[in-house]
N, C-alpha and C. Protein backbone atom coordinates (compact mmCIF):
# COMPACT_ATOMS: atom_id res chain seq x y z
N UNK A 1 -18.60 -14.90 3.32
CA UNK A 1 -18.70 -13.46 3.57
C UNK A 1 -17.73 -12.71 2.64
N UNK A 2 -18.19 -11.61 2.04
CA UNK A 2 -17.30 -10.87 1.15
C UNK A 2 -16.43 -9.88 1.93
N UNK A 3 -15.43 -9.35 1.25
CA UNK A 3 -14.49 -8.45 1.91
C UNK A 3 -15.17 -7.20 2.45
N UNK A 4 -16.14 -6.68 1.71
CA UNK A 4 -16.83 -5.47 2.16
C UNK A 4 -17.49 -5.69 3.52
N UNK A 5 -18.18 -6.81 3.67
CA UNK A 5 -18.84 -7.11 4.94
C UNK A 5 -17.82 -7.33 6.06
N UNK A 6 -16.74 -8.04 5.74
CA UNK A 6 -15.70 -8.27 6.75
C UNK A 6 -15.14 -6.95 7.26
N UNK A 7 -14.84 -6.03 6.33
CA UNK A 7 -14.25 -4.75 6.72
C UNK A 7 -15.24 -3.92 7.53
N UNK A 8 -16.48 -3.86 7.09
CA UNK A 8 -17.47 -3.05 7.79
C UNK A 8 -17.69 -3.55 9.22
N UNK A 9 -17.77 -4.87 9.38
CA UNK A 9 -17.96 -5.42 10.73
C UNK A 9 -16.75 -5.17 11.63
N UNK A 10 -15.55 -5.35 11.07
CA UNK A 10 -14.34 -5.10 11.87
C UNK A 10 -14.21 -3.62 12.20
N UNK A 11 -14.59 -2.77 11.27
CA UNK A 11 -14.55 -1.32 11.50
C UNK A 11 -15.47 -0.94 12.66
N UNK A 12 -16.67 -1.47 12.67
CA UNK A 12 -17.61 -1.18 13.75
C UNK A 12 -17.06 -1.65 15.10
N UNK A 13 -16.40 -2.80 15.10
CA UNK A 13 -15.83 -3.32 16.35
C UNK A 13 -14.63 -2.51 16.82
N UNK A 14 -13.93 -1.88 15.89
CA UNK A 14 -12.66 -1.22 16.22
C UNK A 14 -12.82 0.08 17.00
N UNK A 15 -13.98 0.69 16.91
CA UNK A 15 -14.18 1.97 17.61
C UNK A 15 -13.68 3.17 16.83
N UNK A 16 -13.13 2.95 15.64
CA UNK A 16 -12.74 4.07 14.80
C UNK A 16 -13.97 4.69 14.15
N UNK A 17 -13.90 5.98 13.85
CA UNK A 17 -15.11 6.64 13.35
C UNK A 17 -14.86 7.62 12.21
N UNK A 18 -13.73 7.44 11.51
CA UNK A 18 -13.42 8.34 10.39
C UNK A 18 -13.55 7.64 9.04
N UNK A 19 -14.23 6.50 9.05
CA UNK A 19 -14.46 5.78 7.81
C UNK A 19 -13.35 4.80 7.48
N UNK A 20 -13.55 4.08 6.40
CA UNK A 20 -12.54 3.11 5.96
C UNK A 20 -12.42 3.15 4.45
N UNK A 21 -11.30 2.62 3.98
CA UNK A 21 -11.07 2.54 2.54
C UNK A 21 -10.23 1.30 2.27
N UNK A 22 -10.65 0.51 1.27
CA UNK A 22 -9.99 -0.77 0.99
C UNK A 22 -9.03 -0.67 -0.19
N UNK A 23 -9.55 -0.64 -1.40
CA UNK A 23 -8.69 -0.67 -2.59
C UNK A 23 -8.61 0.68 -3.29
N UNK A 24 -7.42 1.00 -3.76
CA UNK A 24 -7.19 2.18 -4.58
C UNK A 24 -7.16 1.78 -6.05
N UNK A 25 -7.59 0.58 -6.32
CA UNK A 25 -7.58 -0.03 -7.64
C UNK A 25 -8.94 -0.69 -7.90
N UNK A 26 -9.19 -1.14 -9.12
CA UNK A 26 -10.45 -1.85 -9.39
C UNK A 26 -10.52 -3.18 -8.65
N UNK A 27 -11.71 -3.64 -8.33
CA UNK A 27 -11.88 -4.90 -7.63
C UNK A 27 -11.42 -6.09 -8.47
N UNK A 28 -11.30 -5.90 -9.79
CA UNK A 28 -10.82 -6.98 -10.65
C UNK A 28 -9.39 -7.39 -10.30
N UNK A 29 -8.62 -6.48 -9.68
CA UNK A 29 -7.24 -6.82 -9.30
C UNK A 29 -7.19 -7.88 -8.20
N UNK A 30 -8.30 -8.06 -7.50
CA UNK A 30 -8.36 -9.10 -6.47
C UNK A 30 -8.24 -10.49 -7.07
N UNK A 31 -8.65 -10.62 -8.33
CA UNK A 31 -8.65 -11.94 -8.98
C UNK A 31 -7.29 -12.31 -9.55
N UNK A 32 -6.36 -11.37 -9.52
CA UNK A 32 -5.03 -11.66 -10.04
C UNK A 32 -4.35 -10.39 -10.52
N UNK A 33 -3.19 -10.09 -9.96
CA UNK A 33 -2.40 -8.92 -10.35
C UNK A 33 -0.93 -9.29 -10.24
N UNK A 34 -0.13 -8.82 -11.17
CA UNK A 34 1.31 -9.12 -11.12
C UNK A 34 1.98 -8.37 -9.98
N UNK A 35 1.49 -7.15 -9.70
CA UNK A 35 2.09 -6.30 -8.68
C UNK A 35 1.04 -5.90 -7.65
N UNK A 36 1.42 -5.95 -6.37
CA UNK A 36 0.59 -5.41 -5.30
C UNK A 36 1.36 -4.27 -4.63
N UNK A 37 0.64 -3.22 -4.24
CA UNK A 37 1.24 -2.08 -3.54
C UNK A 37 0.42 -1.85 -2.28
N UNK A 38 1.05 -1.98 -1.11
CA UNK A 38 0.32 -1.96 0.15
C UNK A 38 0.92 -0.93 1.11
N UNK A 39 0.08 0.01 1.51
CA UNK A 39 0.45 0.99 2.53
C UNK A 39 -0.06 0.55 3.89
N UNK A 40 0.00 1.44 4.88
CA UNK A 40 -0.37 1.07 6.24
C UNK A 40 -1.85 1.28 6.52
N UNK A 41 -2.33 2.52 6.44
CA UNK A 41 -3.76 2.79 6.61
C UNK A 41 -4.08 4.14 5.98
N UNK A 42 -5.35 4.39 5.64
CA UNK A 42 -5.70 5.67 5.01
C UNK A 42 -5.51 6.82 6.00
N UNK A 43 -4.94 7.91 5.52
CA UNK A 43 -4.76 9.08 6.37
C UNK A 43 -5.90 10.07 6.21
N UNK A 44 -5.84 11.12 6.99
CA UNK A 44 -6.85 12.16 6.91
C UNK A 44 -7.78 12.15 8.10
N UNK A 45 -8.56 13.19 8.22
CA UNK A 45 -9.46 13.32 9.37
C UNK A 45 -10.92 13.23 8.99
N UNK A 46 -11.20 12.95 7.71
CA UNK A 46 -12.60 12.76 7.30
C UNK A 46 -12.63 12.01 5.97
N UNK A 47 -13.78 11.40 5.70
CA UNK A 47 -13.99 10.72 4.43
C UNK A 47 -14.25 11.73 3.32
N UNK A 48 -13.73 11.47 2.16
CA UNK A 48 -14.06 12.25 0.97
C UNK A 48 -15.07 11.44 0.18
N UNK A 49 -16.29 11.92 0.13
CA UNK A 49 -17.36 11.14 -0.50
C UNK A 49 -17.19 11.04 -2.01
N UNK A 50 -16.27 11.83 -2.57
CA UNK A 50 -16.00 11.73 -4.00
C UNK A 50 -15.10 10.53 -4.31
N UNK A 51 -14.53 9.94 -3.27
CA UNK A 51 -13.61 8.81 -3.46
C UNK A 51 -14.29 7.50 -3.09
N UNK A 52 -14.07 6.50 -3.90
CA UNK A 52 -14.68 5.20 -3.66
C UNK A 52 -14.17 4.60 -2.35
N UNK A 53 -15.06 3.91 -1.66
CA UNK A 53 -14.74 3.34 -0.35
C UNK A 53 -14.18 1.92 -0.47
N UNK A 54 -14.82 1.10 -1.27
CA UNK A 54 -14.42 -0.30 -1.38
C UNK A 54 -13.37 -0.52 -2.47
N UNK A 55 -13.58 0.03 -3.64
CA UNK A 55 -12.64 -0.13 -4.76
C UNK A 55 -12.88 0.96 -5.78
N UNK A 56 -11.83 1.32 -6.50
CA UNK A 56 -11.94 2.30 -7.58
C UNK A 56 -12.22 1.51 -8.85
N UNK A 57 -13.43 1.61 -9.36
CA UNK A 57 -13.82 0.71 -10.45
C UNK A 57 -13.28 1.12 -11.81
N UNK A 58 -12.85 2.35 -11.95
CA UNK A 58 -12.29 2.79 -13.24
C UNK A 58 -10.96 3.48 -12.98
N UNK A 59 -9.88 2.85 -13.41
CA UNK A 59 -8.56 3.44 -13.24
C UNK A 59 -7.98 3.19 -11.86
N UNK A 60 -7.19 4.14 -11.40
CA UNK A 60 -6.50 4.03 -10.12
C UNK A 60 -6.66 5.33 -9.34
N UNK A 61 -6.80 5.22 -8.04
CA UNK A 61 -6.89 6.42 -7.20
C UNK A 61 -5.64 7.28 -7.33
N UNK A 62 -4.53 6.63 -7.64
CA UNK A 62 -3.27 7.37 -7.73
C UNK A 62 -3.19 8.24 -8.98
N UNK A 63 -3.94 7.92 -9.99
CA UNK A 63 -3.91 8.72 -11.22
C UNK A 63 -5.20 9.50 -11.46
N UNK A 64 -6.32 9.02 -10.92
CA UNK A 64 -7.62 9.60 -11.27
C UNK A 64 -8.18 10.58 -10.23
N UNK A 65 -7.74 10.47 -8.97
CA UNK A 65 -8.37 11.26 -7.91
C UNK A 65 -7.63 12.56 -7.63
N UNK A 66 -8.40 13.54 -7.16
CA UNK A 66 -7.84 14.80 -6.70
C UNK A 66 -7.65 14.73 -5.19
N UNK A 67 -6.41 14.87 -4.74
CA UNK A 67 -6.09 14.82 -3.31
C UNK A 67 -5.60 16.19 -2.85
N UNK A 68 -6.12 16.64 -1.71
CA UNK A 68 -5.71 17.91 -1.10
C UNK A 68 -5.72 19.07 -2.10
N UNK A 69 -6.79 19.09 -2.90
CA UNK A 69 -7.05 20.16 -3.86
C UNK A 69 -6.04 20.23 -5.00
N UNK A 70 -5.24 19.19 -5.17
CA UNK A 70 -4.35 19.12 -6.32
C UNK A 70 -5.11 18.57 -7.51
N UNK A 71 -4.57 18.79 -8.70
CA UNK A 71 -5.14 18.18 -9.90
C UNK A 71 -5.02 16.66 -9.78
N UNK A 72 -5.90 15.89 -10.43
CA UNK A 72 -5.83 14.43 -10.35
C UNK A 72 -4.43 13.91 -10.67
N UNK A 73 -3.91 13.08 -9.78
CA UNK A 73 -2.59 12.48 -9.97
C UNK A 73 -1.43 13.40 -9.63
N UNK A 74 -1.71 14.63 -9.15
CA UNK A 74 -0.65 15.62 -8.98
C UNK A 74 -0.22 15.81 -7.52
N UNK A 75 -0.85 15.10 -6.59
CA UNK A 75 -0.40 15.13 -5.20
C UNK A 75 0.98 14.48 -5.13
N UNK A 76 1.83 14.94 -4.22
CA UNK A 76 3.21 14.43 -4.18
C UNK A 76 3.28 12.92 -3.98
N UNK A 77 2.39 12.37 -3.17
CA UNK A 77 2.39 10.91 -2.98
C UNK A 77 1.94 10.21 -4.26
N UNK A 78 0.91 10.75 -4.91
CA UNK A 78 0.45 10.15 -6.17
C UNK A 78 1.57 10.13 -7.20
N UNK A 79 2.31 11.21 -7.31
CA UNK A 79 3.39 11.29 -8.30
C UNK A 79 4.48 10.25 -8.00
N UNK A 80 4.78 10.05 -6.72
CA UNK A 80 5.78 9.05 -6.36
C UNK A 80 5.30 7.64 -6.69
N UNK A 81 4.04 7.35 -6.37
CA UNK A 81 3.52 6.01 -6.62
C UNK A 81 3.40 5.75 -8.12
N UNK A 82 2.99 6.75 -8.88
CA UNK A 82 2.91 6.58 -10.33
C UNK A 82 4.30 6.36 -10.93
N UNK A 83 5.31 7.01 -10.38
CA UNK A 83 6.69 6.78 -10.84
C UNK A 83 7.14 5.35 -10.51
N UNK A 84 6.69 4.85 -9.36
CA UNK A 84 6.98 3.47 -8.99
C UNK A 84 6.34 2.51 -9.99
N UNK A 85 5.07 2.73 -10.31
CA UNK A 85 4.38 1.85 -11.26
C UNK A 85 5.06 1.90 -12.63
N UNK A 86 5.51 3.09 -13.04
CA UNK A 86 6.20 3.21 -14.33
C UNK A 86 7.49 2.41 -14.31
N UNK A 87 8.22 2.48 -13.20
CA UNK A 87 9.46 1.72 -13.07
C UNK A 87 9.19 0.22 -13.17
N UNK A 88 8.07 -0.21 -12.61
CA UNK A 88 7.70 -1.64 -12.65
C UNK A 88 7.03 -2.03 -13.96
N UNK A 89 6.83 -1.05 -14.84
CA UNK A 89 6.23 -1.28 -16.15
C UNK A 89 4.83 -1.89 -16.03
N UNK A 90 4.03 -1.30 -15.15
CA UNK A 90 2.64 -1.74 -14.99
C UNK A 90 1.71 -0.52 -15.09
N UNK A 91 0.56 -0.73 -15.68
CA UNK A 91 -0.46 0.33 -15.71
C UNK A 91 -1.07 0.45 -14.31
N UNK A 92 -1.30 1.67 -13.82
CA UNK A 92 -1.81 1.85 -12.46
C UNK A 92 -3.06 1.04 -12.14
N UNK A 93 -3.98 0.92 -13.13
CA UNK A 93 -5.24 0.23 -12.85
C UNK A 93 -5.09 -1.29 -12.77
N UNK A 94 -3.90 -1.81 -13.09
CA UNK A 94 -3.68 -3.26 -13.00
C UNK A 94 -3.00 -3.67 -11.70
N UNK A 95 -2.63 -2.69 -10.88
CA UNK A 95 -1.94 -2.97 -9.62
C UNK A 95 -2.95 -3.19 -8.50
N UNK A 96 -2.78 -4.25 -7.74
CA UNK A 96 -3.60 -4.48 -6.54
C UNK A 96 -3.10 -3.53 -5.47
N UNK A 97 -3.82 -2.44 -5.25
CA UNK A 97 -3.34 -1.37 -4.37
C UNK A 97 -4.30 -1.12 -3.23
N UNK A 98 -3.78 -1.08 -2.02
CA UNK A 98 -4.61 -0.81 -0.86
C UNK A 98 -3.77 -0.59 0.38
N UNK A 99 -4.42 -0.60 1.53
CA UNK A 99 -3.73 -0.44 2.81
C UNK A 99 -3.93 -1.67 3.68
N UNK A 100 -2.91 -1.99 4.45
CA UNK A 100 -2.96 -3.15 5.34
C UNK A 100 -4.16 -3.05 6.29
N UNK A 101 -4.32 -1.90 6.92
CA UNK A 101 -5.46 -1.63 7.80
C UNK A 101 -6.37 -0.64 7.08
N UNK A 102 -7.61 -1.00 6.81
CA UNK A 102 -8.48 -0.12 6.01
C UNK A 102 -9.03 1.09 6.77
N UNK A 103 -8.87 1.13 8.09
CA UNK A 103 -9.53 2.16 8.89
C UNK A 103 -8.72 3.46 8.89
N UNK A 104 -9.41 4.57 8.65
CA UNK A 104 -8.74 5.88 8.53
C UNK A 104 -8.40 6.46 9.90
N UNK A 105 -7.24 7.14 9.94
CA UNK A 105 -6.87 7.93 11.12
C UNK A 105 -5.92 9.03 10.68
N UNK A 106 -5.89 10.17 11.40
CA UNK A 106 -5.00 11.26 11.01
C UNK A 106 -3.53 10.84 11.00
N UNK A 107 -3.17 9.95 11.91
CA UNK A 107 -1.83 9.37 11.94
C UNK A 107 -1.94 8.00 12.59
N UNK A 108 -0.86 7.23 12.51
CA UNK A 108 -0.89 5.85 12.99
C UNK A 108 -1.14 5.76 14.48
N UNK A 109 -0.55 6.67 15.23
CA UNK A 109 -0.71 6.63 16.70
C UNK A 109 -2.14 6.87 17.14
N UNK A 110 -2.89 7.60 16.34
CA UNK A 110 -4.26 7.92 16.74
C UNK A 110 -5.27 6.86 16.32
N UNK A 111 -4.82 5.81 15.63
CA UNK A 111 -5.73 4.72 15.27
C UNK A 111 -6.17 3.98 16.53
N UNK A 112 -7.45 3.78 16.68
CA UNK A 112 -7.97 3.08 17.86
C UNK A 112 -7.86 1.57 17.68
N UNK A 113 -7.77 0.86 18.79
CA UNK A 113 -7.69 -0.62 18.77
C UNK A 113 -6.62 -1.09 17.78
N UNK A 114 -5.42 -0.53 17.94
CA UNK A 114 -4.38 -0.76 16.93
C UNK A 114 -4.03 -2.23 16.79
N UNK A 115 -3.85 -2.93 17.90
CA UNK A 115 -3.47 -4.35 17.83
C UNK A 115 -4.54 -5.17 17.13
N UNK A 116 -5.80 -4.93 17.48
CA UNK A 116 -6.90 -5.66 16.85
C UNK A 116 -7.02 -5.28 15.37
N UNK A 117 -6.78 -4.01 15.07
CA UNK A 117 -6.87 -3.55 13.69
C UNK A 117 -5.77 -4.19 12.83
N UNK A 118 -4.57 -4.31 13.39
CA UNK A 118 -3.48 -4.96 12.67
C UNK A 118 -3.81 -6.43 12.44
N UNK A 119 -4.34 -7.09 13.47
CA UNK A 119 -4.68 -8.50 13.33
C UNK A 119 -5.73 -8.70 12.25
N UNK A 120 -6.72 -7.81 12.22
CA UNK A 120 -7.73 -7.91 11.16
C UNK A 120 -7.08 -7.70 9.80
N UNK A 121 -6.22 -6.68 9.69
CA UNK A 121 -5.55 -6.41 8.42
C UNK A 121 -4.73 -7.59 7.94
N UNK A 122 -4.06 -8.26 8.86
CA UNK A 122 -3.27 -9.44 8.50
C UNK A 122 -4.16 -10.56 7.96
N UNK A 123 -5.27 -10.80 8.63
CA UNK A 123 -6.19 -11.85 8.18
C UNK A 123 -6.80 -11.49 6.83
N UNK A 124 -7.17 -10.22 6.67
CA UNK A 124 -7.77 -9.76 5.41
C UNK A 124 -6.80 -9.93 4.25
N UNK A 125 -5.58 -9.46 4.42
CA UNK A 125 -4.62 -9.49 3.32
C UNK A 125 -4.05 -10.88 3.09
N UNK A 126 -4.01 -11.72 4.11
CA UNK A 126 -3.60 -13.11 3.88
C UNK A 126 -4.57 -13.77 2.90
N UNK A 127 -5.85 -13.46 3.08
CA UNK A 127 -6.87 -14.01 2.19
C UNK A 127 -6.76 -13.40 0.79
N UNK A 128 -6.59 -12.08 0.74
CA UNK A 128 -6.48 -11.38 -0.55
C UNK A 128 -5.28 -11.91 -1.34
N UNK A 129 -4.12 -11.99 -0.70
CA UNK A 129 -2.90 -12.37 -1.41
C UNK A 129 -2.89 -13.85 -1.79
N UNK A 130 -3.62 -14.67 -1.05
CA UNK A 130 -3.68 -16.09 -1.39
C UNK A 130 -4.46 -16.31 -2.68
N UNK A 131 -5.36 -15.37 -2.98
CA UNK A 131 -6.15 -15.45 -4.22
C UNK A 131 -5.43 -14.75 -5.37
N UNK A 132 -4.96 -13.54 -5.11
CA UNK A 132 -4.36 -12.73 -6.18
C UNK A 132 -2.97 -13.23 -6.60
N UNK A 133 -2.16 -13.65 -5.62
CA UNK A 133 -0.82 -14.21 -5.86
C UNK A 133 0.07 -13.31 -6.73
N UNK A 134 0.26 -12.04 -6.35
CA UNK A 134 1.16 -11.18 -7.12
C UNK A 134 2.60 -11.68 -7.03
N UNK A 135 3.36 -11.49 -8.10
CA UNK A 135 4.76 -11.93 -8.08
C UNK A 135 5.67 -10.91 -7.39
N UNK A 136 5.21 -9.67 -7.32
CA UNK A 136 5.95 -8.61 -6.62
C UNK A 136 4.99 -7.89 -5.68
N UNK A 137 5.37 -7.79 -4.41
CA UNK A 137 4.61 -7.02 -3.44
C UNK A 137 5.49 -5.88 -2.97
N UNK A 138 5.02 -4.65 -3.15
CA UNK A 138 5.75 -3.47 -2.69
C UNK A 138 5.00 -2.90 -1.49
N UNK A 139 5.72 -2.76 -0.39
CA UNK A 139 5.12 -2.20 0.82
C UNK A 139 5.67 -0.80 1.05
N UNK A 140 4.87 0.05 1.69
CA UNK A 140 5.28 1.43 1.96
C UNK A 140 5.27 1.69 3.46
N UNK A 141 6.43 2.01 4.00
CA UNK A 141 6.57 2.28 5.42
C UNK A 141 7.12 1.08 6.17
N UNK A 142 7.91 1.33 7.20
CA UNK A 142 8.60 0.25 7.91
C UNK A 142 7.62 -0.68 8.65
N UNK A 143 6.54 -0.13 9.20
CA UNK A 143 5.58 -0.97 9.91
C UNK A 143 4.94 -1.97 8.95
N UNK A 144 4.51 -1.47 7.80
CA UNK A 144 3.89 -2.35 6.80
C UNK A 144 4.87 -3.41 6.32
N UNK A 145 6.10 -3.00 6.06
CA UNK A 145 7.11 -3.95 5.59
C UNK A 145 7.36 -5.04 6.62
N UNK A 146 7.47 -4.66 7.88
CA UNK A 146 7.72 -5.64 8.95
C UNK A 146 6.57 -6.63 9.06
N UNK A 147 5.34 -6.13 9.06
CA UNK A 147 4.17 -7.00 9.21
C UNK A 147 4.03 -7.95 8.02
N UNK A 148 4.19 -7.42 6.81
CA UNK A 148 4.05 -8.28 5.62
C UNK A 148 5.16 -9.32 5.55
N UNK A 149 6.37 -8.96 5.94
CA UNK A 149 7.47 -9.94 5.89
C UNK A 149 7.22 -11.07 6.88
N UNK A 150 6.61 -10.75 8.03
CA UNK A 150 6.24 -11.79 9.00
C UNK A 150 5.10 -12.64 8.46
N UNK A 151 4.10 -12.01 7.87
CA UNK A 151 2.97 -12.74 7.28
C UNK A 151 3.43 -13.73 6.23
N UNK A 152 4.38 -13.29 5.41
CA UNK A 152 4.83 -14.10 4.27
C UNK A 152 5.97 -15.05 4.64
N UNK A 153 6.33 -15.01 5.95
CA UNK A 153 7.38 -15.90 6.48
C UNK A 153 8.70 -15.73 5.72
N UNK A 154 9.06 -14.47 5.52
CA UNK A 154 10.35 -14.17 4.89
C UNK A 154 11.43 -14.23 5.96
N UNK A 155 12.37 -15.14 5.80
CA UNK A 155 13.40 -15.35 6.81
C UNK A 155 14.41 -14.22 6.86
N UNK A 156 14.72 -13.67 5.70
CA UNK A 156 15.78 -12.66 5.65
C UNK A 156 15.36 -11.49 4.79
N UNK A 157 15.33 -10.29 5.39
CA UNK A 157 15.10 -9.07 4.64
C UNK A 157 16.45 -8.40 4.41
N UNK A 158 16.78 -8.18 3.17
CA UNK A 158 18.03 -7.50 2.83
C UNK A 158 17.83 -5.99 2.93
N UNK A 159 18.71 -5.34 3.68
CA UNK A 159 18.64 -3.89 3.83
C UNK A 159 19.39 -3.23 2.68
N UNK A 160 18.75 -2.31 1.99
CA UNK A 160 19.33 -1.70 0.79
C UNK A 160 19.34 -0.18 0.92
N UNK A 161 20.39 0.48 0.43
CA UNK A 161 20.41 1.95 0.47
C UNK A 161 19.36 2.54 -0.47
N UNK A 162 18.83 3.69 -0.08
CA UNK A 162 17.80 4.34 -0.90
C UNK A 162 18.32 5.57 -1.62
N UNK A 163 19.53 6.00 -1.26
CA UNK A 163 20.04 7.24 -1.83
C UNK A 163 19.54 8.47 -1.10
N UNK A 164 18.92 8.25 0.07
CA UNK A 164 18.42 9.36 0.89
C UNK A 164 19.01 9.19 2.30
N UNK A 165 20.24 9.62 2.47
CA UNK A 165 20.89 9.53 3.78
C UNK A 165 20.89 8.11 4.31
N UNK A 166 20.48 7.99 5.55
CA UNK A 166 20.45 6.68 6.21
C UNK A 166 19.14 5.93 6.01
N UNK A 167 18.23 6.51 5.24
CA UNK A 167 16.93 5.87 5.01
C UNK A 167 17.13 4.65 4.12
N UNK A 168 16.59 3.52 4.56
CA UNK A 168 16.80 2.26 3.85
C UNK A 168 15.54 1.75 3.17
N UNK A 169 15.75 0.91 2.19
CA UNK A 169 14.70 0.10 1.60
C UNK A 169 15.05 -1.36 1.90
N UNK A 170 14.12 -2.26 1.62
CA UNK A 170 14.34 -3.67 1.95
C UNK A 170 13.82 -4.56 0.83
N UNK A 171 14.36 -5.76 0.76
CA UNK A 171 13.78 -6.74 -0.15
C UNK A 171 14.00 -8.14 0.39
N UNK A 172 13.09 -9.01 0.03
CA UNK A 172 13.16 -10.40 0.47
C UNK A 172 12.43 -11.29 -0.51
N UNK A 173 12.68 -12.57 -0.43
CA UNK A 173 12.07 -13.54 -1.34
C UNK A 173 11.14 -14.47 -0.56
N UNK A 174 10.05 -14.89 -1.22
CA UNK A 174 9.14 -15.87 -0.63
C UNK A 174 8.46 -16.64 -1.75
N UNK A 175 8.50 -17.94 -1.69
CA UNK A 175 7.82 -18.80 -2.66
C UNK A 175 8.13 -18.40 -4.10
N UNK A 176 9.39 -18.02 -4.36
CA UNK A 176 9.77 -17.62 -5.71
C UNK A 176 9.28 -16.24 -6.10
N UNK A 177 8.73 -15.50 -5.15
CA UNK A 177 8.24 -14.15 -5.41
C UNK A 177 9.03 -13.14 -4.57
N UNK A 178 8.76 -11.86 -4.75
CA UNK A 178 9.58 -10.84 -4.11
C UNK A 178 8.75 -9.83 -3.33
N UNK A 179 9.28 -9.45 -2.17
CA UNK A 179 8.76 -8.32 -1.40
C UNK A 179 9.78 -7.19 -1.46
N UNK A 180 9.34 -6.00 -1.78
CA UNK A 180 10.20 -4.81 -1.75
C UNK A 180 9.58 -3.82 -0.78
N UNK A 181 10.33 -3.44 0.25
CA UNK A 181 9.84 -2.51 1.25
C UNK A 181 10.43 -1.12 1.04
N UNK A 182 9.58 -0.13 0.86
CA UNK A 182 10.02 1.25 0.64
C UNK A 182 9.71 2.11 1.86
N UNK A 183 10.50 3.18 2.07
CA UNK A 183 10.09 4.16 3.09
C UNK A 183 8.82 4.85 2.61
N UNK A 184 8.19 5.63 3.49
CA UNK A 184 6.93 6.26 3.09
C UNK A 184 7.19 7.31 2.02
N UNK A 185 6.56 7.12 0.87
CA UNK A 185 6.87 7.95 -0.29
C UNK A 185 6.32 9.37 -0.19
N UNK A 186 5.46 9.64 0.76
CA UNK A 186 5.00 11.02 0.93
C UNK A 186 6.08 11.87 1.60
N UNK A 187 6.97 11.20 2.32
CA UNK A 187 8.06 11.91 3.01
C UNK A 187 9.38 11.79 2.26
N UNK A 188 9.61 10.62 1.69
CA UNK A 188 10.88 10.37 0.99
C UNK A 188 10.60 10.12 -0.49
N UNK A 189 10.82 11.15 -1.30
CA UNK A 189 10.47 11.07 -2.72
C UNK A 189 11.54 10.37 -3.54
N UNK A 190 11.86 9.16 -3.16
CA UNK A 190 12.99 8.46 -3.79
C UNK A 190 12.71 7.99 -5.21
N UNK A 191 11.45 7.90 -5.60
CA UNK A 191 11.14 7.38 -6.93
C UNK A 191 11.49 8.37 -8.03
N UNK A 192 11.54 9.65 -7.69
CA UNK A 192 11.86 10.67 -8.69
C UNK A 192 13.14 11.42 -8.34
N UNK A 193 13.83 11.01 -7.33
CA UNK A 193 15.05 11.69 -6.87
C UNK A 193 16.25 11.18 -7.67
N UNK A 194 16.94 12.07 -8.39
CA UNK A 194 18.07 11.62 -9.21
C UNK A 194 19.14 10.86 -8.41
N UNK A 195 19.38 11.29 -7.15
CA UNK A 195 20.39 10.63 -6.33
C UNK A 195 19.99 9.22 -5.93
N UNK A 196 18.71 8.91 -6.07
CA UNK A 196 18.22 7.58 -5.68
C UNK A 196 18.08 6.64 -6.87
N UNK A 197 18.23 7.16 -8.07
CA UNK A 197 17.91 6.38 -9.27
C UNK A 197 18.70 5.08 -9.37
N UNK A 198 20.01 5.15 -9.18
CA UNK A 198 20.83 3.94 -9.29
C UNK A 198 20.49 2.94 -8.19
N UNK A 199 20.16 3.46 -7.01
CA UNK A 199 19.78 2.56 -5.90
C UNK A 199 18.46 1.87 -6.20
N UNK A 200 17.53 2.57 -6.84
CA UNK A 200 16.25 1.97 -7.21
C UNK A 200 16.45 0.93 -8.31
N UNK A 201 17.38 1.21 -9.23
CA UNK A 201 17.71 0.21 -10.25
C UNK A 201 18.16 -1.09 -9.61
N UNK A 202 19.03 -0.96 -8.61
CA UNK A 202 19.55 -2.14 -7.92
C UNK A 202 18.46 -2.83 -7.10
N UNK A 203 17.65 -2.03 -6.41
CA UNK A 203 16.61 -2.58 -5.55
C UNK A 203 15.61 -3.43 -6.33
N UNK A 204 15.21 -2.94 -7.50
CA UNK A 204 14.17 -3.61 -8.28
C UNK A 204 14.72 -4.53 -9.37
N UNK A 205 16.05 -4.69 -9.41
CA UNK A 205 16.63 -5.52 -10.46
C UNK A 205 16.29 -7.00 -10.25
């Protein structure tokens, strides 16, 4: 069974009704990418039919799409993620980018069948990451970071300052590879914040 069928069937079982979205990158990144970037779940209260549902076949959603009536790539979250990719020295379209749970909800609390949805997301991404084997996985948000660190059996997550008050970032090692956990970049613009620059240097060193 392919990923599209798996997601559609799980979506129907979940009781969510605002659509789903899998990859913000081309499907070719599933076959191997040096960097993966994983958020929690797609936000919003409706599907945008101008945006690809399964994968963005040309470029990256972070650079090519118009979000909330901004110019392509000019939404505050897009700018933060593009700054992250630049720091990692990767082209946006080469990053395996998606969300742990593909089902859309206006916020995390309003996602239906949350436990089942998380379990599906874990099974889906365990399969994805076993094939792609990125050397660096960057997660966005504490929930995503916690779930991925458990999935990857990371024994110790190092808490790192972000340069934004008490807001922390995290990093851990697994199988000779690295997980870096960031706060949600739509709220904490640490990738372009001058006060955070030295902390990001240390975090990604």
